[in-house]
Each structure stands twice: as C-alpha cells, then as structure tokens.
Amino acid sequence: HEPHSTFLKTLENMNVSQNTIILGDFNYPNTLAQRFLEFINSNALEQLVTSPTRGDNILDLIITNMGTKCSTPEVYPSLVRSDHKLITLDIHIPPPPPAQKTTVNFSKADFTLLKTEMVSFKPTGPVDTTSHNAESFTNAFYGHLQECMD
C-alpha cells in the first residue's frame, strides 16, 4: 500500500490548474479509494472512462477538468500482450493566437539622427564589460536601437 499512498499524497499536494489531465492504471486498494475520490471531487475533476478496461473493472482512468475539450474515450482490445485494454481520447486544444507583429515605417525615419545616436552609443546598465561578454553588449546595443526606433 505504500507506493499507492505516496502517489496519492503527491496528487493531493498537486496544484490543479485548468487543462489538467491525470491518467493511468488506478488499481487503488479500498483503504485509499475514498481519499482518491475526495481528491477528484475537491479539485472539480471528472473521470471520463465508462467502459471496463481490465476484465469487468474500470481501472484505467482519465481524470480531467477539460470537459468539452476532450472527446469521449474509446476502449479497444489491447494491441500488445496485456490484461488491460487500449484507451483512445481526442483532446481539442486551440492553437495560441498569432504573435503581435510590429511594423516599422522606415520611410519616416531620421537616419541622420539614428546614425548619430548609434555611433555615440555607450552601454549603461547591466553590461558585463569585465569579461567582455558579447551577448551582454549586443543586448544593450539592440535595446538602445529599439529605444531610438520608438
């Protein structure tokens, strides 16, 4: 019972956020099953598997708070030598929105002023000049260039 208890303690200490999926073979002994159910209920999670996955029992679970983003799991005979069945599930996660693209209108630029600013550039702030860190200097240079363009 110790491995089950340790895993359950890990679950109970987990910070459940949105888009959480916990899945696996949850063959808990009766002494821990109530704590496991309390964890599911207290974190507004739901168990999606409704067909037996080992004999007449549902031991392989998909527990989530993603609701409509998950299809109904389908249970199939195992493809390998196993006493557990295969479960498939589709998860519908929309792609992230495209990154905001900044466009610079160079036709309105004052290149004389830009050249003067960049030629007289002297790094200030967190630039590592003692070790001649090129990345540190480059970041400062690009930061100054961005300031001039804004």
Protein backbone atom coordinates (compact mmCIF):
# COMPACT_ATOMS: atom_id res chain seq x y z
CA HIS A 1 0.00 0.00 0.00
CA GLU A 2 2.97 2.34 0.47
CA PRO A 3 3.51 3.20 -3.25
CA HIS A 4 -0.22 3.93 -3.64
CA SER A 5 -0.23 6.10 -0.54
CA THR A 6 2.87 8.03 -1.67
CA PHE A 7 1.36 8.65 -5.12
CA LEU A 8 -1.91 9.79 -3.56
CA LYS A 9 -0.02 12.24 -1.31
CA THR A 10 1.71 13.60 -4.44
CA LEU A 11 -1.68 14.10 -6.12
CA GLU A 12 -3.13 15.79 -3.03
CA ASN A 13 -0.21 18.24 -2.95
CA MET A 14 -0.51 18.99 -6.65
CA ASN A 15 -1.67 22.43 -7.75
CA VAL A 16 -4.51 21.55 -10.11
CA SER A 17 -4.96 24.28 -12.72
CA GLN A 18 -7.07 24.45 -15.83
CA ASN A 19 -6.24 21.98 -18.59
CA THR A 20 -5.19 19.21 -16.22
CA ILE A 21 -5.24 15.56 -17.30
CA ILE A 22 -4.25 12.71 -14.99
CA LEU A 23 -4.33 9.25 -16.48
CA GLY A 24 -3.17 5.75 -15.77
CA ASP A 25 -3.88 2.45 -14.04
CA PHE A 26 -5.52 3.37 -10.71
CA ASN A 27 -5.89 0.00 -9.04
CA TYR A 28 -6.26 1.50 -5.54
CA PRO A 29 -6.96 -0.66 -2.53
CA ASN A 30 -10.29 0.11 -0.83
CA THR A 31 -8.49 1.80 2.06
CA LEU A 32 -7.27 4.61 -0.26
CA ALA A 33 -10.16 4.78 -2.72
CA GLN A 34 -12.15 7.25 -0.58
CA ARG A 35 -9.19 9.69 -0.37
CA PHE A 36 -8.76 9.39 -4.13
CA LEU A 37 -12.44 10.22 -4.74
CA GLU A 38 -12.19 13.19 -2.34
CA PHE A 39 -9.19 14.48 -4.32
CA ILE A 40 -11.16 14.26 -7.58
CA ASN A 41 -14.23 15.98 -6.13
CA SER A 42 -12.36 18.72 -4.24
CA ASN A 43 -10.49 19.72 -7.42
CA ALA A 44 -13.59 19.74 -9.68
CA LEU A 45 -12.18 16.90 -11.77
CA GLU A 46 -14.17 14.28 -13.64
CA GLN A 47 -13.36 10.71 -14.62
CA LEU A 48 -14.12 10.08 -18.31
CA VAL A 49 -13.69 6.32 -18.83
CA THR A 50 -17.04 4.49 -18.64
CA SER A 51 -16.22 1.08 -20.17
CA PRO A 52 -14.29 -1.73 -18.45
CA THR A 53 -10.55 -1.64 -19.11
CA ARG A 54 -9.49 -4.82 -17.27
CA GLY A 55 -11.97 -7.66 -17.04
CA ASP A 56 -15.24 -6.19 -15.77
CA ASN A 57 -13.48 -3.33 -13.95
CA ILE A 58 -12.61 0.24 -14.86
CA LEU A 59 -9.04 0.51 -13.58
CA ASP A 60 -7.52 2.71 -16.27
CA LEU A 61 -8.78 6.23 -15.74
CA ILE A 62 -8.68 9.59 -17.48
CA ILE A 63 -9.29 12.33 -14.92
CA THR A 64 -9.55 15.90 -16.13
CA ASN A 65 -11.08 19.34 -15.75
CA MET A 66 -11.02 19.97 -19.50
CA GLY A 67 -14.65 18.89 -20.03
CA THR A 68 -15.75 19.68 -23.57
CA LYS A 69 -12.16 19.86 -24.84
CA CYS A 70 -11.95 16.05 -24.54
CA SER A 71 -13.83 13.54 -26.63
CA THR A 72 -15.48 10.52 -25.05
CA PRO A 73 -12.75 7.91 -24.51
CA GLU A 74 -12.98 4.79 -26.61
CA VAL A 75 -11.88 1.40 -25.25
CA TYR A 76 -10.41 -1.27 -27.58
CA PRO A 77 -8.77 -4.67 -27.13
CA SER A 78 -5.08 -4.35 -26.35
CA LEU A 79 -2.63 -4.28 -29.26
CA VAL A 80 0.10 -5.87 -27.13
CA ARG A 81 0.20 -8.69 -24.61
CA SER A 82 -1.58 -7.01 -21.69
CA ASP A 83 -4.52 -7.69 -19.42
CA HIS A 84 -5.59 -4.05 -19.82
CA LYS A 85 -7.44 -2.66 -22.81
CA LEU A 86 -6.35 0.26 -25.00
CA ILE A 87 -7.97 3.67 -24.46
CA THR A 88 -8.01 6.49 -27.01
CA LEU A 89 -9.02 10.09 -26.45
CA ASP A 90 -9.00 13.22 -28.59
CA ILE A 91 -8.02 16.47 -26.88
CA HIS A 92 -9.13 19.64 -28.62
CA ILE A 93 -6.78 22.49 -27.75
CA PRO A 94 -7.00 25.56 -29.97
CA PRO A 95 -3.72 26.97 -31.27
CA PRO A 96 -2.40 30.05 -29.50
CA PRO A 97 -3.25 33.40 -31.08
CA PRO A 98 -0.66 34.68 -33.55
CA ALA A 99 2.07 36.84 -32.05
CA GLN A 100 1.61 40.58 -32.32
CA LYS A 101 3.71 41.78 -35.25
CA THR A 102 5.34 45.19 -35.09
CA THR A 103 5.93 47.01 -38.35
CA VAL A 104 8.42 49.84 -38.64
CA ASN A 105 7.82 52.54 -41.24
CA PHE A 106 11.38 53.32 -42.41
CA SER A 107 10.15 55.98 -44.86
CA LYS A 108 9.57 58.30 -41.86
CA ALA A 109 12.92 57.58 -40.18
CA ASP A 110 15.51 60.26 -39.47
CA PHE A 111 18.59 58.24 -40.46
CA THR A 112 20.99 61.10 -39.67
CA LEU A 113 19.75 61.21 -36.07
CA LEU A 114 19.75 57.41 -35.87
CA LYS A 115 23.36 57.26 -37.10
CA THR A 116 24.41 59.92 -34.56
CA GLU A 117 22.70 58.05 -31.73
CA MET A 118 24.18 54.69 -32.66
CA VAL A 119 27.74 55.99 -33.26
CA SER A 120 27.73 57.67 -29.86
CA PHE A 121 26.29 54.58 -28.14
CA LYS A 122 27.88 53.85 -24.78
CA PRO A 123 26.39 50.92 -22.87
CA THR A 124 24.83 51.70 -19.50
CA GLY A 125 23.14 49.37 -17.07
CA PRO A 126 23.77 45.63 -16.73
CA VAL A 127 26.54 45.15 -19.32
CA ASP A 128 29.34 42.81 -18.31
CA THR A 129 32.38 44.74 -19.55
CA THR A 130 34.87 42.98 -17.26
CA SER A 131 34.63 39.68 -19.13
CA HIS A 132 33.89 41.34 -22.49
CA ASN A 133 30.63 39.45 -22.72
CA ALA A 134 29.49 39.92 -26.34
CA GLU A 135 25.93 38.83 -25.61
CA SER A 136 25.58 41.41 -22.85
CA PHE A 137 26.89 44.20 -25.11
CA THR A 138 24.73 43.06 -28.05
CA ASN A 139 21.58 43.07 -25.89
CA ALA A 140 22.37 46.60 -24.69
CA PHE A 141 23.02 47.74 -28.28
CA TYR A 142 19.75 46.27 -29.57
CA GLY A 143 17.90 47.77 -26.60
CA HIS A 144 19.28 51.22 -27.46
CA LEU A 145 18.43 50.74 -31.12
CA GLN A 146 14.85 49.81 -30.15
CA GLU A 147 14.60 52.95 -27.99
CA CYS A 148 15.72 55.08 -30.94
CA MET A 149 13.11 53.50 -33.20
CA ASP A 150 10.30 54.02 -30.69
